[in-house]
Amino acid sequence: MARTFAGSRARFVVQGRKFAYAGGVSGEETVDLEPVDVMDMVEVLEYVPVGYRSNFTVNLFRVIGSSLKNQGIYPTQNNILTSGEVNASVEDKITDRVAYLFQRCRANTKNFDFSARSLVTETLSMFAIRVLDESQV
């Protein structure tokens, strides 16, 4: 068995349930750094970490009767202010190990695309409070 992780053995999980028909996941972690600019120096004295942000995007194939809203992942207009957070992960389906765990996520953007002679797709973007990799789970 190959040790290199491949998309064909990855699965996307939300709240402990496999999320059907995910075509891909991309994510980002960012450490916000603030420069310390001082007089009489051209270069920055140092960069000070002041924040941490994480987000991810999931590409999905649309399944009729299984919308992001009726699954409670994307808020409806009536519950935008009261919708809760979810946890999501990318897991290795062969070893059942978590590769990435996105904690306390909230949906931000949902895009969809309908085209003649093609599959209907959706792209879901979410913010997460933190992202852990397999060394932290």
Protein backbone atom coordinates (compact mmCIF):
# COMPACT_ATOMS: atom_id res chain seq x y z
CA MET A 1 0.00 0.00 0.00
CA ALA A 2 1.29 3.45 -0.91
CA ARG A 3 2.11 5.78 1.96
CA THR A 4 1.42 8.90 -0.11
CA PHE A 5 -2.09 10.22 0.53
CA ALA A 6 -4.20 10.45 -2.64
CA GLY A 7 -7.63 11.92 -3.34
CA SER A 8 -8.97 8.53 -4.37
CA ARG A 9 -8.64 7.30 -0.79
CA ALA A 10 -9.86 10.50 0.88
CA ARG A 11 -13.35 11.09 2.19
CA PHE A 12 -14.96 14.29 3.45
CA VAL A 13 -16.83 14.00 6.76
CA VAL A 14 -19.16 16.52 8.45
CA GLN A 15 -20.30 15.98 12.05
CA GLY A 16 -19.08 12.39 11.90
CA ARG A 17 -21.03 11.50 8.71
CA LYS A 18 -19.46 10.86 5.31
CA PHE A 19 -20.49 13.71 3.05
CA ALA A 20 -21.52 12.07 -0.21
CA TYR A 21 -20.18 13.18 -3.57
CA ALA A 22 -17.39 15.51 -2.51
CA GLY A 23 -15.10 16.04 -5.48
CA GLY A 24 -12.31 17.89 -3.73
CA VAL A 25 -11.31 19.92 -0.68
CA SER A 26 -8.80 22.74 -0.46
CA GLY A 27 -7.91 24.58 2.71
CA GLU A 28 -5.74 27.31 4.14
CA GLU A 29 -4.22 28.27 7.47
CA THR A 30 -2.93 31.79 7.92
CA VAL A 31 -0.87 33.33 10.70
CA ASP A 32 -1.40 37.10 10.65
CA LEU A 33 1.92 38.89 11.15
CA GLU A 34 2.22 42.56 11.94
CA PRO A 35 5.47 44.31 11.01
CA VAL A 36 7.31 46.34 13.63
CA ASP A 37 8.43 49.41 11.71
CA VAL A 38 10.80 51.68 13.61
CA MET A 39 12.33 55.00 12.75
CA ASP A 40 15.90 55.04 11.43
CA MET A 41 15.57 51.53 9.89
CA VAL A 42 14.69 50.73 6.29
CA GLU A 43 13.88 47.10 6.97
CA VAL A 44 11.28 45.73 9.34
CA LEU A 45 12.63 45.09 12.84
CA GLU A 46 10.50 41.94 13.27
CA TYR A 47 7.13 40.40 12.49
CA VAL A 48 4.84 39.75 15.45
CA PRO A 49 2.11 37.12 15.21
CA VAL A 50 -1.25 38.78 15.98
CA GLY A 51 -3.85 36.35 14.68
CA TYR A 52 -4.71 32.99 13.18
CA ARG A 53 -7.31 32.20 10.52
CA SER A 54 -8.36 29.10 8.66
CA ASN A 55 -10.82 28.31 5.91
CA PHE A 56 -11.56 25.64 3.35
CA THR A 57 -13.55 25.03 0.20
CA VAL A 58 -15.36 21.85 -0.81
CA ASN A 59 -16.32 21.03 -4.39
CA LEU A 60 -19.49 18.95 -4.46
CA PHE A 61 -21.67 17.15 -6.96
CA ARG A 62 -25.30 18.14 -6.41
CA VAL A 63 -27.66 15.38 -5.29
CA ILE A 64 -31.40 16.11 -5.48
CA GLY A 65 -33.01 15.83 -2.04
CA SER A 66 -29.70 16.29 -0.24
CA SER A 67 -29.13 20.03 -0.18
CA LEU A 68 -26.60 21.77 2.03
CA LYS A 69 -29.48 23.66 3.66
CA ASN A 70 -31.62 20.64 4.54
CA GLN A 71 -28.52 18.96 6.02
CA GLY A 72 -27.94 21.98 8.28
CA ILE A 73 -24.54 22.78 6.79
CA TYR A 74 -25.51 26.01 5.01
CA PRO A 75 -27.95 28.29 6.89
CA THR A 76 -31.35 29.24 5.59
CA GLN A 77 -32.39 32.89 5.65
CA ASN A 78 -34.46 32.17 8.77
CA ASN A 79 -31.57 30.77 10.82
CA ILE A 80 -28.49 32.72 9.71
CA LEU A 81 -28.12 34.28 13.15
CA THR A 82 -28.86 31.10 15.10
CA SER A 83 -27.23 28.37 13.02
CA GLY A 84 -24.53 26.48 14.85
CA GLU A 85 -21.00 25.44 14.09
CA VAL A 86 -19.99 22.08 12.62
CA ASN A 87 -16.79 20.06 12.60
CA ALA A 88 -15.50 18.63 9.34
CA SER A 89 -12.58 16.44 8.38
CA VAL A 90 -10.71 14.84 5.51
CA GLU A 91 -10.04 11.21 6.35
CA ASP A 92 -8.10 8.33 4.84
CA LYS A 93 -10.73 5.69 4.04
CA ILE A 94 -8.15 2.88 4.08
CA THR A 95 -6.67 3.55 7.52
CA ASP A 96 -9.61 5.57 8.99
CA ARG A 97 -7.08 8.19 10.12
CA VAL A 98 -7.90 11.89 10.06
CA ALA A 99 -5.64 13.91 7.74
CA TYR A 100 -7.20 17.30 8.56
CA LEU A 101 -9.76 18.26 11.19
CA PHE A 102 -11.56 21.59 10.72
CA GLN A 103 -13.04 22.67 14.05
CA ARG A 104 -16.00 24.98 14.73
CA CYS A 105 -16.82 25.71 11.08
CA ARG A 106 -19.40 28.09 9.68
CA ALA A 107 -20.51 28.23 6.07
CA ASN A 108 -19.60 31.45 4.31
CA THR A 109 -20.34 31.10 0.59
CA LYS A 110 -22.14 28.63 -1.64
CA ASN A 111 -21.80 28.73 -5.44
CA PHE A 112 -23.52 26.45 -7.92
CA ASP A 113 -23.19 25.77 -11.62
CA PHE A 114 -25.74 24.34 -14.07
CA SER A 115 -24.57 23.68 -17.62
CA ALA A 116 -25.92 21.68 -20.54
CA ARG A 117 -24.42 18.18 -20.74
CA SER A 118 -22.51 18.41 -17.48
CA LEU A 119 -22.95 17.50 -13.86
CA VAL A 120 -24.37 20.11 -11.50
CA THR A 121 -21.75 21.20 -9.01
CA GLU A 122 -21.65 23.31 -5.86
CA THR A 123 -18.72 24.93 -4.14
CA LEU A 124 -19.01 25.48 -0.40
CA SER A 125 -16.62 27.81 1.44
CA MET A 126 -16.35 27.69 5.21
CA PHE A 127 -14.41 29.44 7.94
CA ALA A 128 -12.98 27.31 10.75
CA ILE A 129 -11.71 28.37 14.16
CA ARG A 130 -8.75 26.02 13.72
CA VAL A 131 -7.36 23.27 11.52
CA LEU A 132 -5.51 20.31 13.00
CA ASP A 133 -3.50 17.80 11.00
CA GLU A 134 -2.96 14.13 11.85
CA SER A 135 -0.11 14.98 14.24
CA GLN A 136 -2.52 17.01 16.41
CA VAL A 137 -5.65 14.82 16.36
